[in-house]
PDB file of N, CA and C in Angstrom:
ATOM      1  N   MET A   1    -122.853 -91.420-167.041  1.00  0.00           N
ATOM      2  CA  MET A   1    -121.113 -90.406-166.795  1.00  0.00           C
ATOM      3  C   MET A   1    -121.498 -89.582-165.618  1.00  0.00           C
ATOM      4  N   TYR A   2    -120.523 -89.175-165.021  1.00  0.00           N
ATOM      5  CA  TYR A   2    -120.361 -88.120-163.540  1.00  0.00           C
ATOM      6  C   TYR A   2    -119.809 -86.687-164.293  1.00  0.00           C
ATOM      7  N   TYR A   3    -120.473 -85.100-164.223  1.00  0.00           N
ATOM      8  CA  TYR A   3    -120.113 -84.474-164.359  1.00  0.00           C
ATOM      9  C   TYR A   3    -119.681 -84.171-162.877  1.00  0.00           C
ATOM     10  N   SER A   4    -118.291 -82.835-162.444  1.00  0.00           N
ATOM     11  CA  SER A   4    -117.974 -82.330-161.701  1.00  0.00           C
ATOM     12  C   SER A   4    -118.577 -80.790-161.805  1.00  0.00           C
ATOM     13  N   GLY A   5    -118.722 -80.416-160.661  1.00  0.00           N
ATOM     14  CA  GLY A   5    -118.809 -78.646-160.837  1.00  0.00           C
ATOM     15  C   GLY A   5    -120.318 -78.411-161.197  1.00  0.00           C
ATOM     16  N   CYS A   6    -120.746 -77.110-161.650  1.00  0.00           N
ATOM     17  CA  CYS A   6    -121.762 -76.791-161.658  1.00  0.00           C
ATOM     18  C   CYS A   6    -122.072 -76.570-163.792  1.00  0.00           C
ATOM     19  N   MET A   7    -123.097 -77.052-163.813  1.00  0.00           N
ATOM     20  CA  MET A   7    -123.471 -77.156-165.294  1.00  0.00           C
ATOM     21  C   MET A   7    -124.342 -76.244-165.877  1.00  0.00           C
ATOM     22  N   GLY A   8    -124.688 -75.798-166.538  1.00  0.00           N
ATOM     23  CA  GLY A   8    -125.426 -74.858-167.420  1.00  0.00           C
ATOM     24  C   GLY A   8    -126.590 -75.471-168.198  1.00  0.00           C
ATOM     25  N   THR A   9    -127.622 -75.078-168.772  1.00  0.00           N
ATOM     26  CA  THR A   9    -128.261 -75.425-169.323  1.00  0.00           C
ATOM     27  C   THR A   9    -128.276 -74.949-170.825  1.00  0.00           C
ATOM     28  N   LEU A  10    -128.204 -75.857-172.111  1.00  0.00           N
ATOM     29  CA  LEU A  10    -128.805 -75.445-173.428  1.00  0.00           C
ATOM     30  C   LEU A  10    -130.014 -76.268-173.937  1.00  0.00           C
ATOM     31  N   ASN A  11    -130.991 -75.307-174.573  1.00  0.00           N
ATOM     32  CA  ASN A  11    -132.018 -75.798-175.327  1.00  0.00           C
ATOM     33  C   ASN A  11    -131.682 -76.113-176.742  1.00  0.00           C
ATOM     34  N   VAL A  12    -131.972 -76.977-176.951  1.00  0.00           N
ATOM     35  CA  VAL A  12    -131.580 -77.003-178.529  1.00  0.00           C
ATOM     36  C   VAL A  12    -132.825 -77.584-179.423  1.00  0.00           C
ATOM     37  N   ARG A  13    -132.923 -76.529-180.521  1.00  0.00           N
ATOM     38  CA  ARG A  13    -133.704 -77.317-181.293  1.00  0.00           C
ATOM     39  C   ARG A  13    -133.759 -78.001-182.147  1.00  0.00           C
ATOM     40  N   THR A  14    -133.607 -79.494-182.687  1.00  0.00           N
ATOM     41  CA  THR A  14    -133.432 -80.400-183.187  1.00  0.00           C
ATOM     42  C   THR A  14    -134.703 -81.185-184.540  1.00  0.00           C
ATOM     43  N   ASP A  15    -134.062 -81.030-186.175  1.00  0.00           N
ATOM     44  CA  ASP A  15    -134.636 -81.709-186.883  1.00  0.00           C
ATOM     45  C   ASP A  15    -135.015 -83.278-187.092  1.00  0.00           C
ATOM     46  N   GLU A  16    -134.885 -83.154-188.014  1.00  0.00           N
ATOM     47  CA  GLU A  16    -134.977 -84.738-188.754  1.00  0.00           C
ATOM     48  C   GLU A  16    -133.560 -85.374-188.449  1.00  0.00           C
ATOM     49  N   ALA A  17    -132.791 -84.811-188.758  1.00  0.00           N
ATOM     50  CA  ALA A  17    -131.157 -85.675-189.129  1.00  0.00           C
ATOM     51  C   ALA A  17    -130.664 -85.396-187.888  1.00  0.00           C
ATOM     52  N   MET A  18    -131.149 -84.319-186.965  1.00  0.00           N
ATOM     53  CA  MET A  18    -130.825 -84.346-185.633  1.00  0.00           C
ATOM     54  C   MET A  18    -131.469 -85.587-184.726  1.00  0.00           C
ATOM     55  N   GLU A  19    -132.459 -85.461-184.873  1.00  0.00           N
ATOM     56  CA  GLU A  19    -132.921 -86.899-184.393  1.00  0.00           C
ATOM     57  C   GLU A  19    -132.440 -87.949-184.354  1.00  0.00           C
ATOM     58  N   THR A  20    -132.204 -88.482-186.028  1.00  0.00           N
ATOM     59  CA  THR A  20    -131.631 -89.211-186.406  1.00  0.00           C
ATOM     60  C   THR A  20    -130.457 -89.994-185.692  1.00  0.00           C
ATOM     61  N   ALA A  21    -129.488 -88.529-185.321  1.00  0.00           N
ATOM     62  CA  ALA A  21    -128.097 -88.468-184.703  1.00  0.00           C
ATOM     63  C   ALA A  21    -127.681 -88.921-183.251  1.00  0.00           C
ATOM     64  N   LEU A  22    -128.885 -88.246-182.804  1.00  0.00           N
ATOM     65  CA  LEU A  22    -129.155 -88.718-181.494  1.00  0.00           C
ATOM     66  C   LEU A  22    -130.071 -90.154-181.137  1.00  0.00           C
ATOM     67  N   GLU A  23    -130.810 -90.428-181.992  1.00  0.00           N
ATOM     68  CA  GLU A  23    -130.697 -91.644-181.830  1.00  0.00           C
ATOM     69  C   GLU A  23    -129.946 -92.508-181.983  1.00  0.00           C
ATOM     70  N   LYS A  24    -128.998 -92.710-183.037  1.00  0.00           N
ATOM     71  CA  LYS A  24    -128.163 -93.425-183.124  1.00  0.00           C
ATOM     72  C   LYS A  24    -126.927 -93.548-182.026  1.00  0.00           C
ATOM     73  N   LEU A  25    -126.563 -91.588-181.535  1.00  0.00           N
ATOM     74  CA  LEU A  25    -125.647 -91.971-180.558  1.00  0.00           C
ATOM     75  C   LEU A  25    -125.764 -92.629-179.228  1.00  0.00           C
ATOM     76  N   THR A  26    -126.811 -92.243-178.823  1.00  0.00           N
ATOM     77  CA  THR A  26    -127.611 -93.298-177.785  1.00  0.00           C
ATOM     78  C   THR A  26    -128.133 -94.455-177.660  1.00  0.00           C
ATOM     79  N   GLU A  27    -128.482 -95.292-178.623  1.00  0.00           N
ATOM     80  CA  GLU A  27    -128.997 -96.438-178.974  1.00  0.00           C
ATOM     81  C   GLU A  27    -128.460 -97.630-178.868  1.00  0.00           C
ATOM     82  N   GLY A  28    -128.489 -98.388-177.613  1.00  0.00           N
ATOM     83  CA  GLY A  28    -127.506 -99.501-177.066  1.00  0.00           C
ATOM     84  C   GLY A  28    -125.801 -98.753-176.581  1.00  0.00           C
ATOM     85  N   THR A  29    -126.197 -97.623-176.368  1.00  0.00           N
ATOM     86  CA  THR A  29    -124.246 -97.142-175.666  1.00  0.00           C
ATOM     87  C   THR A  29    -125.175 -96.689-174.061  1.00  0.00           C
ATOM     88  N   GLY A  30    -125.998 -96.959-174.215  1.00  0.00           N
ATOM     89  CA  GLY A  30    -126.014 -96.382-171.998  1.00  0.00           C
ATOM     90  C   GLY A  30    -126.392 -94.800-172.151  1.00  0.00           C
ATOM     91  N   ARG A  31    -126.025 -94.227-173.310  1.00  0.00           N
ATOM     92  CA  ARG A  31    -125.362 -92.593-173.309  1.00  0.00           C
ATOM     93  C   ARG A  31    -126.814 -91.860-173.095  1.00  0.00           C
ATOM     94  N   THR A  32    -127.205 -90.364-172.694  1.00  0.00           N
ATOM     95  CA  THR A  32    -128.497 -89.971-172.479  1.00  0.00           C
ATOM     96  C   THR A  32    -128.516 -89.122-174.038  1.00  0.00           C
ATOM     97  N   ARG A  33    -129.416 -88.511-173.885  1.00  0.00           N
ATOM     98  CA  ARG A  33    -129.585 -87.610-174.939  1.00  0.00           C
ATOM     99  C   ARG A  33    -128.211 -86.256-174.307  1.00  0.00           C
ATOM    100  N   SER A  34    -128.737 -85.537-173.748  1.00  0.00           N
ATOM    101  CA  SER A  34    -127.515 -84.910-173.033  1.00  0.00           C
ATOM    102  C   SER A  34    -126.257 -85.528-173.221  1.00  0.00           C
ATOM    103  N   ASP A  35    -125.631 -86.776-172.537  1.00  0.00           N
ATOM    104  CA  ASP A  35    -124.652 -87.565-173.132  1.00  0.00           C
ATOM    105  C   ASP A  35    -124.071 -86.994-174.430  1.00  0.00           C
ATOM    106  N   ALA A  36    -125.095 -87.473-175.140  1.00  0.00           N
ATOM    107  CA  ALA A  36    -124.775 -87.238-176.763  1.00  0.00           C
ATOM    108  C   ALA A  36    -124.281 -85.729-177.111  1.00  0.00           C
ATOM    109  N   VAL A  37    -125.023 -85.041-176.637  1.00  0.00           N
ATOM    110  CA  VAL A  37    -124.983 -83.981-176.846  1.00  0.00           C
ATOM    111  C   VAL A  37    -123.804 -83.312-176.487  1.00  0.00           C
ATOM    112  N   ARG A  38    -123.480 -83.411-175.565  1.00  0.00           N
ATOM    113  CA  ARG A  38    -122.095 -83.102-174.958  1.00  0.00           C
ATOM    114  C   ARG A  38    -120.741 -83.857-175.793  1.00  0.00           C
ATOM    115  N   TYR A  39    -121.289 -85.369-175.966  1.00  0.00           N
ATOM    116  CA  TYR A  39    -120.147 -86.088-176.609  1.00  0.00           C
ATOM    117  C   TYR A  39    -119.899 -85.284-177.790  1.00  0.00           C
ATOM    118  N   ALA A  40    -120.768 -85.104-178.583  1.00  0.00           N
ATOM    119  CA  ALA A  40    -120.845 -84.572-180.202  1.00  0.00           C
ATOM    120  C   ALA A  40    -120.335 -82.740-180.192  1.00  0.00           C
ATOM    121  N   LEU A  41    -120.524 -82.326-179.122  1.00  0.00           N
ATOM    122  CA  LEU A  41    -120.104 -80.613-179.000  1.00  0.00           C
ATOM    123  C   LEU A  41    -118.406 -80.933-178.426  1.00  0.00           C
ATOM    124  N   LEU A  42    -117.600 -81.916-177.930  1.00  0.00           N
ATOM    125  CA  LEU A  42    -116.289 -81.642-177.341  1.00  0.00           C
ATOM    126  C   LEU A  42    -115.894 -82.724-178.654  1.00  0.00           C
ATOM    127  N   ARG A  43    -116.357 -83.532-179.064  1.00  0.00           N
ATOM    128  CA  ARG A  43    -115.462 -83.885-180.610  1.00  0.00           C
ATOM    129  C   ARG A  43    -115.530 -82.573-181.273  1.00  0.00           C
ATOM    130  N   ALA A  44    -116.286 -82.118-181.443  1.00  0.00           N
ATOM    131  CA  ALA A  44    -116.663 -80.626-182.876  1.00  0.00           C
ATOM    132  C   ALA A  44    -115.368 -79.962-182.311  1.00  0.00           C
ATOM    133  N   TYR A  45    -115.124 -79.257-180.943  1.00  0.00           N
ATOM    134  CA  TYR A  45    -114.395 -78.613-180.113  1.00  0.00           C
ATOM    135  C   TYR A  45    -113.188 -79.468-180.578  1.00  0.00           C
ATOM    136  N   LYS A  46    -112.952 -80.719-180.440  1.00  0.00           N
ATOM    137  CA  LYS A  46    -111.310 -81.265-180.544  1.00  0.00           C
ATOM    138  C   LYS A  46    -110.671 -80.790-182.154  1.00  0.00           C
ATOM    139  N   GLU A  47    -111.799 -81.415-182.446  1.00  0.00           N
ATOM    140  CA  GLU A  47    -111.732 -81.448-184.118  1.00  0.00           C
ATOM    141  C   GLU A  47    -111.400 -79.721-184.715  1.00  0.00           C
ATOM    142  N   LEU A  48    -111.313 -78.797-183.782  1.00  0.00           N
ATOM    143  CA  LEU A  48    -111.321 -77.407-184.185  1.00  0.00           C
ATOM    144  C   LEU A  48    -110.200 -77.244-183.736  1.00  0.00           C
ATOM    145  N   LEU A  49    -109.813 -77.572-182.207  1.00  0.00           N
ATOM    146  CA  LEU A  49    -108.098 -77.397-181.823  1.00  0.00           C
ATOM    147  C   LEU A  49    -107.430 -78.002-182.962  1.00  0.00           C
ATOM    148  N   LEU A  50    -107.613 -79.139-183.358  1.00  0.00           N
ATOM    149  CA  LEU A  50    -107.165 -79.885-183.819  1.00  0.00           C
ATOM    150  C   LEU A  50    -106.759 -79.279-185.759  1.00  0.00           C
ATOM    151  N   GLU A  51    -107.282 -78.410-186.114  1.00  0.00           N
ATOM    152  CA  GLU A  51    -107.110 -78.231-186.983  1.00  0.00           C
ATOM    153  C   GLU A  51    -106.744 -76.688-186.926  1.00  0.00           C
ATOM    154  N   GLN A  52    -106.616 -76.047-185.342  1.00  0.00           N
ATOM    155  CA  GLN A  52    -106.128 -74.749-185.700  1.00  0.00           C
ATOM    156  C   GLN A  52    -104.513 -75.182-185.203  1.00  0.00           C
ATOM    157  N   ALA A  53    -104.336 -75.870-184.863  1.00  0.00           N
ATOM    158  CA  ALA A  53    -103.033 -76.870-184.302  1.00  0.00           C
ATOM    159  C   ALA A  53    -102.224 -76.717-185.927  1.00  0.00           C
ATOM    160  N   ALA A  54    -102.858 -77.683-186.721  1.00  0.00           N
ATOM    161  CA  ALA A  54    -102.410 -77.964-187.717  1.00  0.00           C
ATOM    162  C   ALA A  54    -101.690 -76.758-188.719  1.00  0.00           C
ATOM    163  N   ALA A  55    -103.149 -75.923-188.536  1.00  0.00           N
ATOM    164  CA  ALA A  55    -102.886 -74.262-189.544  1.00  0.00           C
ATOM    165  C   ALA A  55    -102.045 -73.747-188.837  1.00  0.00           C
ATOM    166  N   ASP A  56    -101.809 -73.831-187.447  1.00  0.00           N
ATOM    167  CA  ASP A  56     -99.855 -73.108-187.413  1.00  0.00           C
ATOM    168  C   ASP A  56     -98.716 -73.940-187.185  1.00  0.00           C
ATOM    169  N   ALA A  57     -98.990 -74.801-187.100  1.00  0.00           N
ATOM    170  CA  ALA A  57     -97.684 -75.940-187.961  1.00  0.00           C
ATOM    171  C   ALA A  57     -97.110 -75.565-189.244  1.00  0.00           C
ATOM    172  N   ASP A  58     -97.878 -75.353-189.947  1.00  0.00           N
ATOM    173  CA  ASP A  58     -98.137 -75.235-191.350  1.00  0.00           C
ATOM    174  C   ASP A  58     -97.214 -73.748-191.484  1.00  0.00           C
ATOM    175  N   ARG A  59     -98.191 -72.602-190.438  1.00  0.00           N
ATOM    176  CA  ARG A  59     -97.555 -71.497-190.738  1.00  0.00           C
ATOM    177  C   ARG A  59     -96.738 -71.415-189.875  1.00  0.00           C
ATOM    178  N   LEU A  60     -95.766 -71.622-188.900  1.00  0.00           N
ATOM    179  CA  LEU A  60     -94.693 -71.860-188.433  1.00  0.00           C
ATOM    180  C   LEU A  60     -93.457 -72.737-189.499  1.00  0.00           C
ATOM    181  N   ALA A  61     -93.878 -73.706-189.695  1.00  0.00           N
ATOM    182  CA  ALA A  61     -93.052 -74.510-191.291  1.00  0.00           C
ATOM    183  C   ALA A  61     -92.837 -73.478-192.376  1.00  0.00           C
ATOM    184  N   ALA A  62     -93.490 -72.382-192.419  1.00  0.00           N
ATOM    185  CA  ALA A  62     -93.145 -71.973-193.716  1.00  0.00           C
ATOM    186  C   ALA A  62     -92.793 -70.449-192.847  1.00  0.00           C
ATOM    187  N   ASP A  63     -92.247 -70.156-191.751  1.00  0.00           N
ATOM    188  CA  ASP A  63     -91.623 -68.979-191.383  1.00  0.00           C
ATOM    189  C   ASP A  63     -90.118 -69.247-191.210  1.00  0.00           C
ATOM    190  N   ALA A  64     -89.448 -68.535-191.808  1.00  0.00           N
ATOM    191  CA  ALA A  64     -87.998 -68.644-192.123  1.00  0.00           C
ATOM    192  C   ALA A  64     -87.326 -68.434-190.563  1.00  0.00           C
ATOM    193  N   ASP A  65     -87.919 -67.199-189.782  1.00  0.00           N
ATOM    194  CA  ASP A  65     -87.035 -66.900-188.965  1.00  0.00           C
ATOM    195  C   ASP A  65     -87.348 -67.835-187.790  1.00  0.00           C
ATOM    196  N   ASP A  66     -88.517 -68.403-187.374  1.00  0.00           N
ATOM    197  CA  ASP A  66     -89.393 -69.280-186.861  1.00  0.00           C
ATOM    198  C   ASP A  66     -88.586 -70.770-186.823  1.00  0.00           C
ATOM    199  N   GLN A  67     -88.116 -71.110-187.823  1.00  0.00           N
ATOM    200  CA  GLN A  67     -86.868 -72.041-188.301  1.00  0.00           C
ATOM    201  C   GLN A  67     -85.659 -71.553-187.771  1.00  0.00           C
ATOM    202  N   ALA A  68     -85.279 -70.360-187.622  1.00  0.00           N
ATOM    203  CA  ALA A  68     -83.966 -70.273-187.452  1.00  0.00           C
ATOM    204  C   ALA A  68     -84.011 -70.249-185.755  1.00  0.00           C
ATOM    205  N   GLU A  69     -85.274 -69.507-185.056  1.00  0.00           N
ATOM    206  CA  GLU A  69     -85.234 -69.981-183.839  1.00  0.00           C
ATOM    207  C   GLU A  69     -84.960 -71.327-183.382  1.00  0.00           C
ATOM    208  N   MET A  70     -86.074 -72.354-183.668  1.00  0.00           N
ATOM    209  CA  MET A  70     -85.992 -73.096-183.711  1.00  0.00           C
ATOM    210  C   MET A  70     -84.557 -74.252-183.840  1.00  0.00           C
ATOM    211  N   LEU A  71     -83.852 -74.017-184.574  1.00  0.00           N
ATOM    212  CA  LEU A  71     -82.813 -74.506-185.199  1.00  0.00           C
ATOM    213  C   LEU A  71     -81.813 -74.201-183.952  1.00  0.00           C
ATOM    214  N   ALA A  72     -81.838 -72.418-183.211  1.00  0.00           N
ATOM    215  CA  ALA A  72     -80.894 -72.164-182.583  1.00  0.00           C
ATOM    216  C   ALA A  72     -80.639 -73.197-181.403  1.00  0.00           C
ATOM    217  N   ILE A  73     -81.951 -73.620-181.004  1.00  0.00           N
ATOM    218  CA  ILE A  73     -82.642 -73.600-179.453  1.00  0.00           C
ATOM    219  C   ILE A  73     -82.464 -75.040-179.269  1.00  0.00           C
ATOM    220  N   GLN A  74     -82.426 -75.527-180.835  1.00  0.00           N
ATOM    221  CA  GLN A  74     -81.984 -77.202-180.712  1.00  0.00           C
ATOM    222  C   GLN A  74     -80.189 -77.184-180.641  1.00  0.00           C
ATOM    223  N   ARG A  75     -79.483 -76.465-181.097  1.00  0.00           N
ATOM    224  CA  ARG A  75     -78.335 -76.333-180.800  1.00  0.00           C
ATOM    225  C   ARG A  75     -77.963 -76.111-180.129  1.00  0.00           C
ATOM    226  N   PHE A  76     -78.147 -75.099-178.826  1.00  0.00           N
ATOM    227  CA  PHE A  76     -78.175 -74.598-177.522  1.00  0.00           C
ATOM    228  C   PHE A  76     -78.513 -76.095-176.608  1.00  0.00           C
ATOM    229  N   MET A  77     -79.574 -76.291-176.890  1.00  0.00           N
ATOM    230  CA  MET A  77     -79.686 -77.902-175.969  1.00  0.00           C
ATOM    231  C   MET A  77     -79.059 -79.366-176.489  1.00  0.00           C
ATOM    232  N   GLY A  78     -78.324 -79.226-177.367  1.00  0.00           N
ATOM    233  CA  GLY A  78     -77.328 -80.426-177.876  1.00  0.00           C
ATOM    234  C   GLY A  78     -77.988 -81.494-178.832  1.00  0.00           C
ATOM    235  N   VAL A  79     -79.358 -80.714-179.166  1.00  0.00           N
ATOM    236  CA  VAL A  79     -80.135 -81.525-180.220  1.00  0.00           C
ATOM    237  C   VAL A  79     -79.879 -82.144-181.883  1.00  0.00           C
ATOM    238  N   ALA A  80     -79.350 -80.934-182.354  1.00  0.00           N
ATOM    239  CA  ALA A  80     -79.324 -80.511-183.661  1.00  0.00           C
ATOM    240  C   ALA A  80     -77.666 -80.974-184.471  1.00  0.00           C
TER     241      ALA A  80
END
């Protein structure tokens, strides 16, 4: 993989389960251990963002004022 820009360094202590996961994420994939850690970290971050977006959507769906505002915008745009 190619990464542009400056990259920091992170030291991680691993236990047996982490070593097994790293092995499974690297064997036969062409990924380095560092690639696997970056991949897993970005996947975890993406999952967090999706959870936050779902929570925001639930909160907004239950907000009567927000629903009224969205309907007003849709009517203004001619789509409601």
